[in-house]
Amino acid sequence: RSWTDLPALAIKYVRRIEELLQTQVTLLSTS
């Protein structure tokens, strides 16, 4: 329920998707 709960590699994956789509993740669902 927070960025601090996510592994570094998971955050890296999300950031790469943002980069490729040239937009920001507004919400992140984890279940």
PDB file of all heavy atoms in Angstrom:
ATOM      1  N   ARG A   1       0.807  -1.216   0.000  1.00  0.00           N
ATOM      2  CA  ARG A   1       0.000   0.000   0.000  1.00  0.00           C
ATOM      3  C   ARG A   1       0.842   1.269   0.000  1.00  0.00           C
ATOM      4  O   ARG A   1       0.318   2.375   0.157  1.00  0.00           O
ATOM      5  CB  ARG A   1      -0.949  -0.018   1.199  1.00  0.00           C
ATOM      6  CG  ARG A   1      -1.950  -1.174   1.139  1.00  0.00           C
ATOM      7  CD  ARG A   1      -2.920  -1.176   2.290  1.00  0.00           C
ATOM      8  NE  ARG A   1      -3.818  -2.337   2.215  1.00  0.00           N
ATOM      9  CZ  ARG A   1      -4.802  -2.573   3.073  1.00  0.00           C
ATOM     10  NH1 ARG A   1      -5.022  -1.732   4.074  1.00  0.00           N
ATOM     11  NH2 ARG A   1      -5.557  -3.654   2.933  1.00  0.00           N
ATOM     12  N   SER A   2       2.168   1.114  -0.183  1.00  0.00           N
ATOM     13  CA  SER A   2       3.056   2.263  -0.315  1.00  0.00           C
ATOM     14  C   SER A   2       4.281   1.850  -1.117  1.00  0.00           C
ATOM     15  O   SER A   2       4.598   0.654  -1.221  1.00  0.00           O
ATOM     16  CB  SER A   2       3.482   2.810   1.049  1.00  0.00           C
ATOM     17  OG  SER A   2       4.391   1.930   1.680  1.00  0.00           O
ATOM     18  N   TRP A   3       4.977   2.822  -1.683  1.00  0.00           N
ATOM     19  CA  TRP A   3       6.170   2.530  -2.461  1.00  0.00           C
ATOM     20  C   TRP A   3       7.218   1.817  -1.628  1.00  0.00           C
ATOM     21  O   TRP A   3       7.965   0.973  -2.133  1.00  0.00           O
ATOM     22  CB  TRP A   3       6.760   3.822  -3.041  1.00  0.00           C
ATOM     23  CG  TRP A   3       6.021   4.369  -4.213  1.00  0.00           C
ATOM     24  CD1 TRP A   3       5.228   5.478  -4.231  1.00  0.00           C
ATOM     25  CD2 TRP A   3       5.966   3.839  -5.542  1.00  0.00           C
ATOM     26  NE1 TRP A   3       4.700   5.662  -5.486  1.00  0.00           N
ATOM     27  CE2 TRP A   3       5.145   4.677  -6.315  1.00  0.00           C
ATOM     28  CE3 TRP A   3       6.549   2.729  -6.160  1.00  0.00           C
ATOM     29  CZ2 TRP A   3       4.876   4.452  -7.658  1.00  0.00           C
ATOM     30  CZ3 TRP A   3       6.284   2.503  -7.515  1.00  0.00           C
ATOM     31  CH2 TRP A   3       5.461   3.353  -8.240  1.00  0.00           C
ATOM     32  N   THR A   4       7.284   2.137  -0.344  1.00  0.00           N
ATOM     33  CA  THR A   4       8.282   1.524   0.529  1.00  0.00           C
ATOM     34  C   THR A   4       8.032   0.033   0.748  1.00  0.00           C
ATOM     35  O   THR A   4       8.919  -0.690   1.182  1.00  0.00           O
ATOM     36  CB  THR A   4       8.329   2.244   1.892  1.00  0.00           C
ATOM     37  OG1 THR A   4       7.016   2.232   2.479  1.00  0.00           O
ATOM     38  CG2 THR A   4       8.788   3.685   1.721  1.00  0.00           C
ATOM     39  N   ASP A   5       6.808  -0.420   0.452  1.00  0.00           N
ATOM     40  CA  ASP A   5       6.487  -1.850   0.572  1.00  0.00           C
ATOM     41  C   ASP A   5       6.960  -2.659  -0.630  1.00  0.00           C
ATOM     42  O   ASP A   5       6.923  -3.893  -0.599  1.00  0.00           O
ATOM     43  CB  ASP A   5       4.974  -2.048   0.722  1.00  0.00           C
ATOM     44  CG  ASP A   5       4.414  -1.464   2.007  1.00  0.00           C
ATOM     45  OD1 ASP A   5       5.179  -1.355   2.976  1.00  0.00           O
ATOM     46  OD2 ASP A   5       3.211  -1.117   2.035  1.00  0.00           O
ATOM     47  N   LEU A   6       7.387  -1.978  -1.689  1.00  0.00           N
ATOM     48  CA  LEU A   6       7.746  -2.659  -2.931  1.00  0.00           C
ATOM     49  C   LEU A   6       9.239  -2.935  -3.011  1.00  0.00           C
ATOM     50  O   LEU A   6      10.062  -2.095  -2.621  1.00  0.00           O
ATOM     51  CB  LEU A   6       7.343  -1.807  -4.142  1.00  0.00           C
ATOM     52  CG  LEU A   6       5.841  -1.525  -4.335  1.00  0.00           C
ATOM     53  CD1 LEU A   6       5.646  -0.582  -5.520  1.00  0.00           C
ATOM     54  CD2 LEU A   6       5.071  -2.814  -4.554  1.00  0.00           C
ATOM     55  N   PRO A   7       9.644  -4.102  -3.529  1.00  0.00           N
ATOM     56  CA  PRO A   7      11.060  -4.394  -3.776  1.00  0.00           C
ATOM     57  C   PRO A   7      11.631  -3.413  -4.802  1.00  0.00           C
ATOM     58  O   PRO A   7      10.903  -2.927  -5.681  1.00  0.00           O
ATOM     59  CB  PRO A   7      11.043  -5.824  -4.324  1.00  0.00           C
ATOM     60  CG  PRO A   7       9.707  -6.385  -3.956  1.00  0.00           C
ATOM     61  CD  PRO A   7       8.769  -5.224  -3.911  1.00  0.00           C
ATOM     62  N   ALA A   8      12.924  -3.158  -4.710  1.00  0.00           N
ATOM     63  CA  ALA A   8      13.582  -2.207  -5.605  1.00  0.00           C
ATOM     64  C   ALA A   8      13.416  -2.606  -7.071  1.00  0.00           C
ATOM     65  O   ALA A   8      13.206  -1.750  -7.943  1.00  0.00           O
ATOM     66  CB  ALA A   8      15.058  -2.089  -5.249  1.00  0.00           C
ATOM     67  N   LEU A   9      13.492  -3.912  -7.361  1.00  0.00           N
ATOM     68  CA  LEU A   9      13.381  -4.372  -8.740  1.00  0.00           C
ATOM     69  C   LEU A   9      11.957  -4.213  -9.275  1.00  0.00           C
ATOM     70  O   LEU A   9      11.755  -4.016 -10.479  1.00  0.00           O
ATOM     71  CB  LEU A   9      13.834  -5.834  -8.861  1.00  0.00           C
ATOM     72  CG  LEU A   9      15.346  -6.068  -8.724  1.00  0.00           C
ATOM     73  CD1 LEU A   9      15.656  -7.566  -8.658  1.00  0.00           C
ATOM     74  CD2 LEU A   9      16.101  -5.437  -9.894  1.00  0.00           C
ATOM     75  N   ALA A  10      10.965  -4.302  -8.400  1.00  0.00           N
ATOM     76  CA  ALA A  10       9.579  -4.068  -8.816  1.00  0.00           C
ATOM     77  C   ALA A  10       9.381  -2.597  -9.168  1.00  0.00           C
ATOM     78  O   ALA A  10       8.721  -2.267 -10.161  1.00  0.00           O
ATOM     79  CB  ALA A  10       8.615  -4.486  -7.711  1.00  0.00           C
ATOM     80  N   ILE A  11       9.948  -1.711  -8.356  1.00  0.00           N
ATOM     81  CA  ILE A  11       9.884  -0.277  -8.650  1.00  0.00           C
ATOM     82  C   ILE A  11      10.595   0.029  -9.965  1.00  0.00           C
ATOM     83  O   ILE A  11      10.106   0.819 -10.784  1.00  0.00           O
ATOM     84  CB  ILE A  11      10.506   0.539  -7.492  1.00  0.00           C
ATOM     85  CG1 ILE A  11       9.664   0.371  -6.222  1.00  0.00           C
ATOM     86  CG2 ILE A  11      10.613   2.021  -7.874  1.00  0.00           C
ATOM     87  CD1 ILE A  11      10.268   1.020  -4.997  1.00  0.00           C
ATOM     88  N   LYS A  12      11.737  -0.628 -10.189  1.00  0.00           N
ATOM     89  CA  LYS A  12      12.486  -0.437 -11.434  1.00  0.00           C
ATOM     90  C   LYS A  12      11.634  -0.829 -12.639  1.00  0.00           C
ATOM     91  O   LYS A  12      11.642  -0.164 -13.678  1.00  0.00           O
ATOM     92  CB  LYS A  12      13.772  -1.263 -11.391  1.00  0.00           C
ATOM     93  CG  LYS A  12      14.687  -1.042 -12.585  1.00  0.00           C
ATOM     94  CD  LYS A  12      15.960  -1.880 -12.456  1.00  0.00           C
ATOM     95  CE  LYS A  12      16.863  -1.678 -13.674  1.00  0.00           C
ATOM     96  NZ  LYS A  12      18.099  -2.526 -13.576  1.00  0.00           N
ATOM     97  N   TYR A  13      10.897  -1.938 -12.508  1.00  0.00           N
ATOM     98  CA  TYR A  13      10.015  -2.410 -13.582  1.00  0.00           C
ATOM     99  C   TYR A  13       8.918  -1.376 -13.866  1.00  0.00           C
ATOM    100  O   TYR A  13       8.648  -1.056 -15.030  1.00  0.00           O
ATOM    101  CB  TYR A  13       9.402  -3.757 -13.190  1.00  0.00           C
ATOM    102  CG  TYR A  13       8.457  -4.350 -14.214  1.00  0.00           C
ATOM    103  CD1 TYR A  13       8.940  -4.945 -15.367  1.00  0.00           C
ATOM    104  CD2 TYR A  13       7.079  -4.323 -14.009  1.00  0.00           C
ATOM    105  CE1 TYR A  13       8.075  -5.498 -16.308  1.00  0.00           C
ATOM    106  CE2 TYR A  13       6.209  -4.881 -14.924  1.00  0.00           C
ATOM    107  CZ  TYR A  13       6.712  -5.468 -16.074  1.00  0.00           C
ATOM    108  OH  TYR A  13       5.837  -6.009 -16.996  1.00  0.00           O
ATOM    109  N   VAL A  14       8.315  -0.862 -12.808  1.00  0.00           N
ATOM    110  CA  VAL A  14       7.263   0.152 -12.966  1.00  0.00           C
ATOM    111  C   VAL A  14       7.819   1.402 -13.641  1.00  0.00           C
ATOM    112  O   VAL A  14       7.190   1.971 -14.543  1.00  0.00           O
ATOM    113  CB  VAL A  14       6.634   0.501 -11.602  1.00  0.00           C
ATOM    114  CG1 VAL A  14       5.656   1.675 -11.751  1.00  0.00           C
ATOM    115  CG2 VAL A  14       5.931  -0.713 -10.996  1.00  0.00           C
ATOM    116  N   ARG A  15       8.997   1.835 -13.217  1.00  0.00           N
ATOM    117  CA  ARG A  15       9.615   3.021 -13.809  1.00  0.00           C
ATOM    118  C   ARG A  15       9.915   2.819 -15.295  1.00  0.00           C
ATOM    119  O   ARG A  15       9.813   3.750 -16.099  1.00  0.00           O
ATOM    120  CB  ARG A  15      10.909   3.377 -13.065  1.00  0.00           C
ATOM    121  CG  ARG A  15      10.711   3.797 -11.599  1.00  0.00           C
ATOM    122  CD  ARG A  15       9.771   4.956 -11.460  1.00  0.00           C
ATOM    123  NE  ARG A  15       9.693   5.452 -10.102  1.00  0.00           N
ATOM    124  CZ  ARG A  15       8.628   6.059  -9.588  1.00  0.00           C
ATOM    125  NH1 ARG A  15       7.558   6.266 -10.333  1.00  0.00           N
ATOM    126  NH2 ARG A  15       8.642   6.481  -8.338  1.00  0.00           N
ATOM    127  N   ARG A  16      10.305   1.609 -15.655  1.00  0.00           N
ATOM    128  CA  ARG A  16      10.568   1.331 -17.064  1.00  0.00           C
ATOM    129  C   ARG A  16       9.287   1.403 -17.895  1.00  0.00           C
ATOM    130  O   ARG A  16       9.309   1.923 -19.019  1.00  0.00           O
ATOM    131  CB  ARG A  16      11.215  -0.053 -17.214  1.00  0.00           C
ATOM    132  CG  ARG A  16      11.566  -0.437 -18.654  1.00  0.00           C
ATOM    133  CD  ARG A  16      12.456   0.596 -19.320  1.00  0.00           C
ATOM    134  NE  ARG A  16      12.867   0.177 -20.660  1.00  0.00           N
ATOM    135  CZ  ARG A  16      13.225   1.006 -21.630  1.00  0.00           C
ATOM    136  NH1 ARG A  16      13.253   2.326 -21.409  1.00  0.00           N
ATOM    137  NH2 ARG A  16      13.587   0.557 -22.825  1.00  0.00           N
ATOM    138  N   ILE A  17       8.187   0.933 -17.355  1.00  0.00           N
ATOM    139  CA  ILE A  17       6.908   1.046 -18.052  1.00  0.00           C
ATOM    140  C   ILE A  17       6.541   2.520 -18.228  1.00  0.00           C
ATOM    141  O   ILE A  17       6.101   2.935 -19.305  1.00  0.00           O
ATOM    142  CB  ILE A  17       5.802   0.286 -17.286  1.00  0.00           C
ATOM    143  CG1 ILE A  17       6.010  -1.232 -17.451  1.00  0.00           C
ATOM    144  CG2 ILE A  17       4.413   0.689 -17.788  1.00  0.00           C
ATOM    145  CD1 ILE A  17       5.028  -2.083 -16.665  1.00  0.00           C
ATOM    146  N   GLU A  18       6.726   3.324 -17.186  1.00  0.00           N
ATOM    147  CA  GLU A  18       6.473   4.765 -17.291  1.00  0.00           C
ATOM    148  C   GLU A  18       7.320   5.393 -18.399  1.00  0.00           C
ATOM    149  O   GLU A  18       6.836   6.211 -19.178  1.00  0.00           O
ATOM    150  CB  GLU A  18       6.795   5.453 -15.965  1.00  0.00           C
ATOM    151  CG  GLU A  18       5.812   5.179 -14.847  1.00  0.00           C
ATOM    152  CD  GLU A  18       6.186   5.920 -13.580  1.00  0.00           C
ATOM    153  OE1 GLU A  18       7.399   5.998 -13.266  1.00  0.00           O
ATOM    154  OE2 GLU A  18       5.281   6.420 -12.894  1.00  0.00           O
ATOM    155  N   GLU A  19       8.577   4.999 -18.464  1.00  0.00           N
ATOM    156  CA  GLU A  19       9.506   5.538 -19.457  1.00  0.00           C
ATOM    157  C   GLU A  19       9.065   5.177 -20.871  1.00  0.00           C
ATOM    158  O   GLU A  19       9.062   6.019 -21.776  1.00  0.00           O
ATOM    159  CB  GLU A  19      10.912   5.014 -19.173  1.00  0.00           C
ATOM    160  CG  GLU A  19      11.990   5.561 -20.103  1.00  0.00           C
ATOM    161  CD  GLU A  19      13.357   4.995 -19.775  1.00  0.00           C
ATOM    162  OE1 GLU A  19      13.463   3.859 -19.255  1.00  0.00           O
ATOM    163  OE2 GLU A  19      14.348   5.692 -20.049  1.00  0.00           O
ATOM    164  N   LEU A  20       8.694   3.929 -21.058  1.00  0.00           N
ATOM    165  CA  LEU A  20       8.297   3.457 -22.382  1.00  0.00           C
ATOM    166  C   LEU A  20       6.983   4.078 -22.835  1.00  0.00           C
ATOM    167  O   LEU A  20       6.790   4.348 -24.025  1.00  0.00           O
ATOM    168  CB  LEU A  20       8.181   1.928 -22.391  1.00  0.00           C
ATOM    169  CG  LEU A  20       9.501   1.155 -22.313  1.00  0.00           C
ATOM    170  CD1 LEU A  20       9.249  -0.311 -21.956  1.00  0.00           C
ATOM    171  CD2 LEU A  20      10.266   1.257 -23.631  1.00  0.00           C
ATOM    172  N   LEU A  21       6.067   4.302 -21.892  1.00  0.00           N
ATOM    173  CA  LEU A  21       4.760   4.878 -22.225  1.00  0.00           C
ATOM    174  C   LEU A  21       4.765   6.401 -22.162  1.00  0.00           C
ATOM    175  O   LEU A  21       3.786   7.044 -22.551  1.00  0.00           O
ATOM    176  CB  LEU A  21       3.673   4.330 -21.293  1.00  0.00           C
ATOM    177  CG  LEU A  21       3.441   2.823 -21.316  1.00  0.00           C
ATOM    178  CD1 LEU A  21       2.280   2.458 -20.394  1.00  0.00           C
ATOM    179  CD2 LEU A  21       3.176   2.315 -22.731  1.00  0.00           C
ATOM    180  N   GLN A  22       5.862   6.936 -21.647  1.00  0.00           N
ATOM    181  CA  GLN A  22       6.018   8.386 -21.520  1.00  0.00           C
ATOM    182  C   GLN A  22       4.872   9.016 -20.729  1.00  0.00           C
ATOM    183  O   GLN A  22       4.308  10.046 -21.115  1.00  0.00           O
ATOM    184  CB  GLN A  22       6.153   9.037 -22.900  1.00  0.00           C
ATOM    185  CG  GLN A  22       7.368   8.546 -23.683  1.00  0.00           C
ATOM    186  CD  GLN A  22       7.488   9.163 -25.064  1.00  0.00           C
ATOM    187  OE1 GLN A  22       6.660   9.941 -25.510  1.00  0.00           O
ATOM    188  NE2 GLN A  22       8.540   8.817 -25.765  1.00  0.00           N
ATOM    189  N   THR A  23       4.566   8.377 -19.616  1.00  0.00           N
ATOM    190  CA  THR A  23       3.533   8.881 -18.731  1.00  0.00           C
ATOM    191  C   THR A  23       3.800   8.410 -17.323  1.00  0.00           C
ATOM    192  O   THR A  23       4.697   7.603 -17.082  1.00  0.00           O
ATOM    193  CB  THR A  23       2.134   8.423 -19.194  1.00  0.00           C
ATOM    194  OG1 THR A  23       1.126   9.182 -18.504  1.00  0.00           O
ATOM    195  CG2 THR A  23       1.918   6.935 -18.901  1.00  0.00           C
ATOM    196  N   GLN A  24       3.023   8.903 -16.374  1.00  0.00           N
ATOM    197  CA  GLN A  24       3.214   8.579 -14.971  1.00  0.00           C
ATOM    198  C   GLN A  24       2.175   7.584 -14.488  1.00  0.00           C
ATOM    199  O   GLN A  24       1.018   7.606 -14.907  1.00  0.00           O
ATOM    200  CB  GLN A  24       3.122   9.858 -14.125  1.00  0.00           C
ATOM    201  CG  GLN A  24       3.408   9.651 -12.635  1.00  0.00           C
ATOM    202  CD  GLN A  24       3.191  10.923 -11.831  1.00  0.00           C
ATOM    203  OE1 GLN A  24       2.341  11.737 -12.155  1.00  0.00           O
ATOM    204  NE2 GLN A  24       3.954  11.084 -10.769  1.00  0.00           N
ATOM    205  N   VAL A  25       2.615   6.691 -13.588  1.00  0.00           N
ATOM    206  CA  VAL A  25       1.684   5.821 -12.895  1.00  0.00           C
ATOM    207  C   VAL A  25       0.962   6.660 -11.844  1.00  0.00           C
ATOM    208  O   VAL A  25       1.582   7.228 -10.946  1.00  0.00           O
ATOM    209  CB  VAL A  25       2.395   4.621 -12.243  1.00  0.00           C
ATOM    210  CG1 VAL A  25       1.443   3.875 -11.313  1.00  0.00           C
ATOM    211  CG2 VAL A  25       2.912   3.666 -13.312  1.00  0.00           C
ATOM    212  N   THR A  26      -0.340   6.753 -11.983  1.00  0.00           N
ATOM    213  CA  THR A  26      -1.171   7.523 -11.063  1.00  0.00           C
ATOM    214  C   THR A  26      -1.610   6.673  -9.876  1.00  0.00           C
ATOM    215  O   THR A  26      -1.626   7.125  -8.744  1.00  0.00           O
ATOM    216  CB  THR A  26      -2.406   8.072 -11.806  1.00  0.00           C
ATOM    217  OG1 THR A  26      -1.985   8.908 -12.877  1.00  0.00           O
ATOM    218  CG2 THR A  26      -3.311   8.864 -10.875  1.00  0.00           C
ATOM    219  N   LEU A  27      -1.991   5.428 -10.169  1.00  0.00           N
ATOM    220  CA  LEU A  27      -2.389   4.460  -9.162  1.00  0.00           C
ATOM    221  C   LEU A  27      -1.683   3.143  -9.441  1.00  0.00           C
ATOM    222  O   LEU A  27      -1.427   2.795 -10.593  1.00  0.00           O
ATOM    223  CB  LEU A  27      -3.895   4.218  -9.191  1.00  0.00           C
ATOM    224  CG  LEU A  27      -4.834   5.334  -8.729  1.00  0.00           C
ATOM    225  CD1 LEU A  27      -6.244   5.060  -9.230  1.00  0.00           C
ATOM    226  CD2 LEU A  27      -4.847   5.426  -7.233  1.00  0.00           C
ATOM    227  N   LEU A  28      -1.396   2.399  -8.386  1.00  0.00           N
ATOM    228  CA  LEU A  28      -0.776   1.086  -8.523  1.00  0.00           C
ATOM    229  C   LEU A  28      -1.582   0.098  -7.694  1.00  0.00           C
ATOM    230  O   LEU A  28      -1.743   0.267  -6.487  1.00  0.00           O
ATOM    231  CB  LEU A  28       0.678   1.124  -8.058  1.00  0.00           C
ATOM    232  CG  LEU A  28       1.511  -0.148  -8.250  1.00  0.00           C
ATOM    233  CD1 LEU A  28       1.669  -0.466  -9.719  1.00  0.00           C
ATOM    234  CD2 LEU A  28       2.886   0.021  -7.603  1.00  0.00           C
ATOM    235  N   SER A  29      -2.118  -0.938  -8.342  1.00  0.00           N
ATOM    236  CA  SER A  29      -2.924  -1.942  -7.659  1.00  0.00           C
ATOM    237  C   SER A  29      -2.104  -3.200  -7.420  1.00  0.00           C
ATOM    238  O   SER A  29      -1.451  -3.705  -8.333  1.00  0.00           O
ATOM    239  CB  SER A  29      -4.161  -2.281  -8.489  1.00  0.00           C
ATOM    240  OG  SER A  29      -4.856  -3.383  -7.935  1.00  0.00           O
ATOM    241  N   THR A  30      -2.160  -3.725  -6.192  1.00  0.00           N
ATOM    242  CA  THR A  30      -1.339  -4.886  -5.851  1.00  0.00           C
ATOM    243  C   THR A  30      -2.166  -6.105  -5.426  1.00  0.00           C
ATOM    244  O   THR A  30      -1.605  -7.088  -4.959  1.00  0.00           O
ATOM    245  CB  THR A  30      -0.345  -4.522  -4.729  1.00  0.00           C
ATOM    246  OG1 THR A  30      -1.073  -4.018  -3.596  1.00  0.00           O
ATOM    247  CG2 THR A  30       0.653  -3.473  -5.210  1.00  0.00           C
ATOM    248  N   SER A  31      -3.463  -6.023  -5.595  1.00  0.00           N
ATOM    249  CA  SER A  31      -4.345  -7.177  -5.378  1.00  0.00           C
ATOM    250  C   SER A  31      -5.754  -6.754  -5.772  1.00  0.00           C
ATOM    251  O   SER A  31      -6.016  -5.561  -5.958  1.00  0.00           O
ATOM    252  CB  SER A  31      -4.317  -7.636  -3.912  1.00  0.00           C
ATOM    253  OG  SER A  31      -5.378  -7.075  -3.164  1.00  0.00           O
TER     254      SER A  31
END
